């Protein structure tokens, strides 16, 4: 029994037992689940973010909220992330909102990350259902399909040794492309 298990493991690790070359399947175009190690630092952005509802006319896009400090706008409230904003407040306006909402927060990238040649990635565990992401006012990605994680490298847009601003516009309207 042990030798059969060992043979199966070898076949699984080295290739198809039929002799077909299956190659090594490594993740492409992304990063592994973030785990701190001797060569990788992980900085969580979980916590309290600034949160603001948008209008059905998408005022935030038109007025470029991604380049502004949402915390200084009227109607902004603190919102824990991760969470479902529809379940957090007692406000019917927030609970029943369908459409765009905005999140932003600051984050710091140490100078040592640049001097050590670290690449900087953002990883979102899930954004339902369509996300647009800006770092320091520059759009870095869009992601459509809720419930699935996504990553984006932001090495070229972060400022080292200074505060950076992360802004995420989230549209919770269901569509044929937004559900996996």
Protein backbone atom coordinates (compact mmCIF):
# COMPACT_ATOMS: atom_id res chain seq x y z
CA UNK A 1 0.00 0.00 0.00
CA UNK A 2 2.83 2.42 0.89
CA UNK A 3 4.58 1.84 -2.45
CA UNK A 4 1.32 2.43 -4.35
CA UNK A 5 0.82 5.75 -2.53
CA UNK A 6 4.45 6.69 -3.20
CA UNK A 7 4.04 5.79 -6.89
CA UNK A 8 0.86 7.86 -7.12
CA UNK A 9 2.64 10.83 -5.54
CA UNK A 10 5.53 10.49 -7.98
CA UNK A 11 3.10 10.32 -10.91
CA UNK A 12 1.20 13.33 -9.64
CA UNK A 13 4.39 15.29 -9.10
CA UNK A 14 6.24 14.27 -12.25
CA UNK A 15 3.51 13.91 -14.82
CA UNK A 16 0.73 11.86 -16.29
CA UNK A 17 1.09 8.09 -15.67
CA UNK A 18 0.15 7.54 -19.34
CA UNK A 19 3.42 9.19 -20.37
CA UNK A 20 1.90 12.42 -21.69
CA UNK A 21 3.90 15.51 -20.81
CA UNK A 22 1.71 17.65 -18.60
CA UNK A 23 4.49 19.98 -17.44
CA UNK A 24 4.64 21.92 -14.24
CA UNK A 25 1.51 23.99 -13.68
CA UNK A 26 2.42 27.17 -11.84
CA UNK A 27 0.11 30.13 -11.30
CA UNK A 28 0.30 32.57 -14.20
CA UNK A 29 -0.34 36.31 -14.07
CA UNK A 30 -0.76 36.56 -10.32
CA UNK A 31 0.69 35.84 -6.94
CA UNK A 32 0.22 33.06 -4.47
CA UNK A 33 -1.96 33.56 -1.42
CA UNK A 34 -0.03 36.08 0.69
CA UNK A 35 1.93 34.48 3.48
CA UNK A 36 4.69 36.25 5.36
CA UNK A 37 8.05 34.51 5.12
CA UNK A 38 11.76 35.26 5.35
CA UNK A 39 11.58 36.82 1.86
CA UNK A 40 8.00 38.14 1.76
CA UNK A 41 6.33 40.77 3.90
CA UNK A 42 2.55 41.00 4.05
CA UNK A 43 0.75 44.16 5.10
CA UNK A 44 -2.98 43.81 5.76
CA UNK A 45 -5.24 46.67 4.75
CA UNK A 46 -8.14 45.23 6.75
CA UNK A 47 -9.65 47.74 9.12
CA UNK A 48 -11.72 50.89 8.99
CA UNK A 49 -11.98 52.55 5.58
CA UNK A 50 -13.77 55.73 4.46
CA UNK A 51 -17.05 54.81 2.74
CA UNK A 52 -19.45 56.85 0.64
CA UNK A 53 -22.54 56.01 -1.39
CA UNK A 54 -22.65 57.31 -4.95
CA UNK A 55 -25.71 58.58 -6.79
CA UNK A 56 -27.45 56.67 -9.60
CA UNK A 57 -25.83 59.21 -11.96
CA UNK A 58 -22.37 58.07 -10.76
CA UNK A 59 -21.31 61.47 -9.48
CA UNK A 60 -18.11 59.96 -8.09
CA UNK A 61 -16.79 58.98 -11.52
CA UNK A 62 -17.80 62.31 -13.07
CA UNK A 63 -16.25 64.31 -10.20
CA UNK A 64 -13.17 62.05 -9.99
CA UNK A 65 -13.49 61.02 -6.36
CA UNK A 66 -10.56 58.67 -6.97
CA UNK A 67 -8.32 61.74 -6.88
CA UNK A 68 -9.88 63.26 -3.76
CA UNK A 69 -9.97 62.52 -0.05
CA UNK A 70 -13.33 60.85 0.49
CA UNK A 71 -13.07 61.34 4.27
CA UNK A 72 -13.56 65.08 3.78
CA UNK A 73 -16.78 64.68 1.74
CA UNK A 74 -20.23 65.05 3.21
CA UNK A 75 -21.97 61.74 3.86
CA UNK A 76 -18.79 59.71 4.36
CA UNK A 77 -18.95 57.10 7.12
CA UNK A 78 -16.37 54.69 8.58
CA UNK A 79 -16.76 51.16 7.24
CA UNK A 80 -14.96 47.98 8.34
CA UNK A 81 -13.24 45.98 5.63
CA UNK A 82 -13.78 43.14 5.06
CA UNK A 83 -17.53 43.34 5.48
CA UNK A 84 -20.76 43.63 3.54
CA UNK A 85 -21.79 47.27 3.86
CA UNK A 86 -25.44 46.27 3.42
CA UNK A 87 -25.25 44.42 6.74
CA UNK A 88 -23.21 46.87 8.84
CA UNK A 89 -25.30 49.97 9.47
CA UNK A 90 -28.85 50.51 10.68
CA UNK A 91 -29.37 53.01 7.87
CA UNK A 92 -31.92 51.83 5.30
CA UNK A 93 -30.23 54.09 2.74
CA UNK A 94 -26.97 52.16 3.08
CA UNK A 95 -28.56 48.75 3.62
CA UNK A 96 -30.76 48.99 0.52
CA UNK A 97 -28.30 50.81 -1.76
CA UNK A 98 -27.78 49.34 -5.21
CA UNK A 99 -25.11 50.88 -7.41
CA UNK A 100 -21.70 52.43 -6.90
CA UNK A 101 -20.10 52.92 -3.51
CA UNK A 102 -16.62 54.25 -2.77
CA UNK A 103 -13.97 53.16 -0.31
CA UNK A 104 -10.63 54.80 0.37
CA UNK A 105 -7.82 54.65 2.88
CA UNK A 106 -4.17 55.48 3.23
CA UNK A 107 -1.36 52.96 3.42
CA UNK A 108 2.38 53.21 3.90
CA UNK A 109 5.06 51.44 1.86
CA UNK A 110 8.45 51.34 3.64
CA UNK A 111 11.57 52.65 1.88
CA UNK A 112 13.20 49.31 2.68
CA UNK A 113 10.87 47.57 0.22
CA UNK A 114 12.32 49.64 -2.63
CA UNK A 115 15.94 49.19 -1.56
CA UNK A 116 15.39 45.42 -1.24
CA UNK A 117 13.79 45.24 -4.69
CA UNK A 118 10.42 44.06 -3.38
CA UNK A 119 7.49 44.06 -5.77
CA UNK A 120 4.26 45.47 -4.32
CA UNK A 121 0.95 43.76 -5.00
CA UNK A 122 -2.64 44.36 -3.93
CA UNK A 123 -4.77 41.30 -3.31
CA UNK A 124 -8.52 41.51 -2.91
CA UNK A 125 -10.24 38.47 -1.42
CA UNK A 126 -13.57 39.38 -3.01
CA UNK A 127 -15.35 42.48 -4.29
CA UNK A 128 -18.97 42.13 -5.29
CA UNK A 129 -19.53 42.59 -8.17
CA UNK A 130 -17.50 45.08 -10.20
CA UNK A 131 -14.45 46.90 -8.81
CA UNK A 132 -12.38 49.78 -10.13
CA UNK A 133 -9.13 50.39 -8.24
CA UNK A 134 -6.93 53.50 -8.09
CA UNK A 135 -3.63 54.04 -6.28
CA UNK A 136 -2.63 57.67 -5.79
CA UNK A 137 -5.27 58.74 -8.32
CA UNK A 138 -4.01 56.37 -11.05
CA UNK A 139 -6.33 53.61 -12.21
CA UNK A 140 -4.54 50.29 -11.78
CA UNK A 141 -7.24 47.73 -12.56
CA UNK A 142 -10.86 46.78 -12.98
CA UNK A 143 -12.28 43.43 -11.92
CA UNK A 144 -15.66 42.05 -12.86
CA UNK A 145 -16.96 38.86 -11.24
CA UNK A 146 -17.81 38.86 -7.59
CA UNK A 147 -16.77 36.30 -5.00
CA UNK A 148 -13.35 35.68 -6.59
CA UNK A 149 -9.97 37.01 -5.45
CA UNK A 150 -7.84 39.16 -7.74
CA UNK A 151 -4.39 40.71 -7.60
CA UNK A 152 -2.62 43.62 -9.26
CA UNK A 153 1.01 44.66 -9.10
CA UNK A 154 1.37 48.30 -8.04
CA UNK A 155 5.17 48.56 -7.72
CA UNK A 156 5.36 51.32 -10.34
CA UNK A 157 2.67 53.56 -8.81
CA UNK A 158 3.40 53.46 -5.07
CA UNK A 159 5.41 56.13 -3.28
CA UNK A 160 7.98 54.66 -0.91
CA UNK A 161 8.41 56.16 2.54
CA UNK A 162 5.19 58.16 2.19
CA UNK A 163 1.50 57.62 2.56
CA UNK A 164 -0.29 56.30 -0.51
CA UNK A 165 -4.01 56.46 -1.18
CA UNK A 166 -6.03 53.44 -2.26
CA UNK A 167 -9.50 54.08 -3.70
CA UNK A 168 -11.96 51.39 -4.74
CA UNK A 169 -15.29 52.00 -6.48
CA UNK A 170 -17.61 49.02 -6.11
CA UNK A 171 -20.77 48.42 -8.14
CA UNK A 172 -23.06 45.78 -6.66
CA UNK A 173 -25.46 45.60 -9.62
CA UNK A 174 -25.81 42.00 -10.79
CA UNK A 175 -25.21 41.32 -14.46
CA UNK A 176 -24.48 38.34 -16.69
CA UNK A 177 -20.71 38.89 -16.30
CA UNK A 178 -20.64 39.73 -12.61
CA UNK A 179 -21.51 36.35 -11.12
CA UNK A 180 -18.98 33.53 -11.44
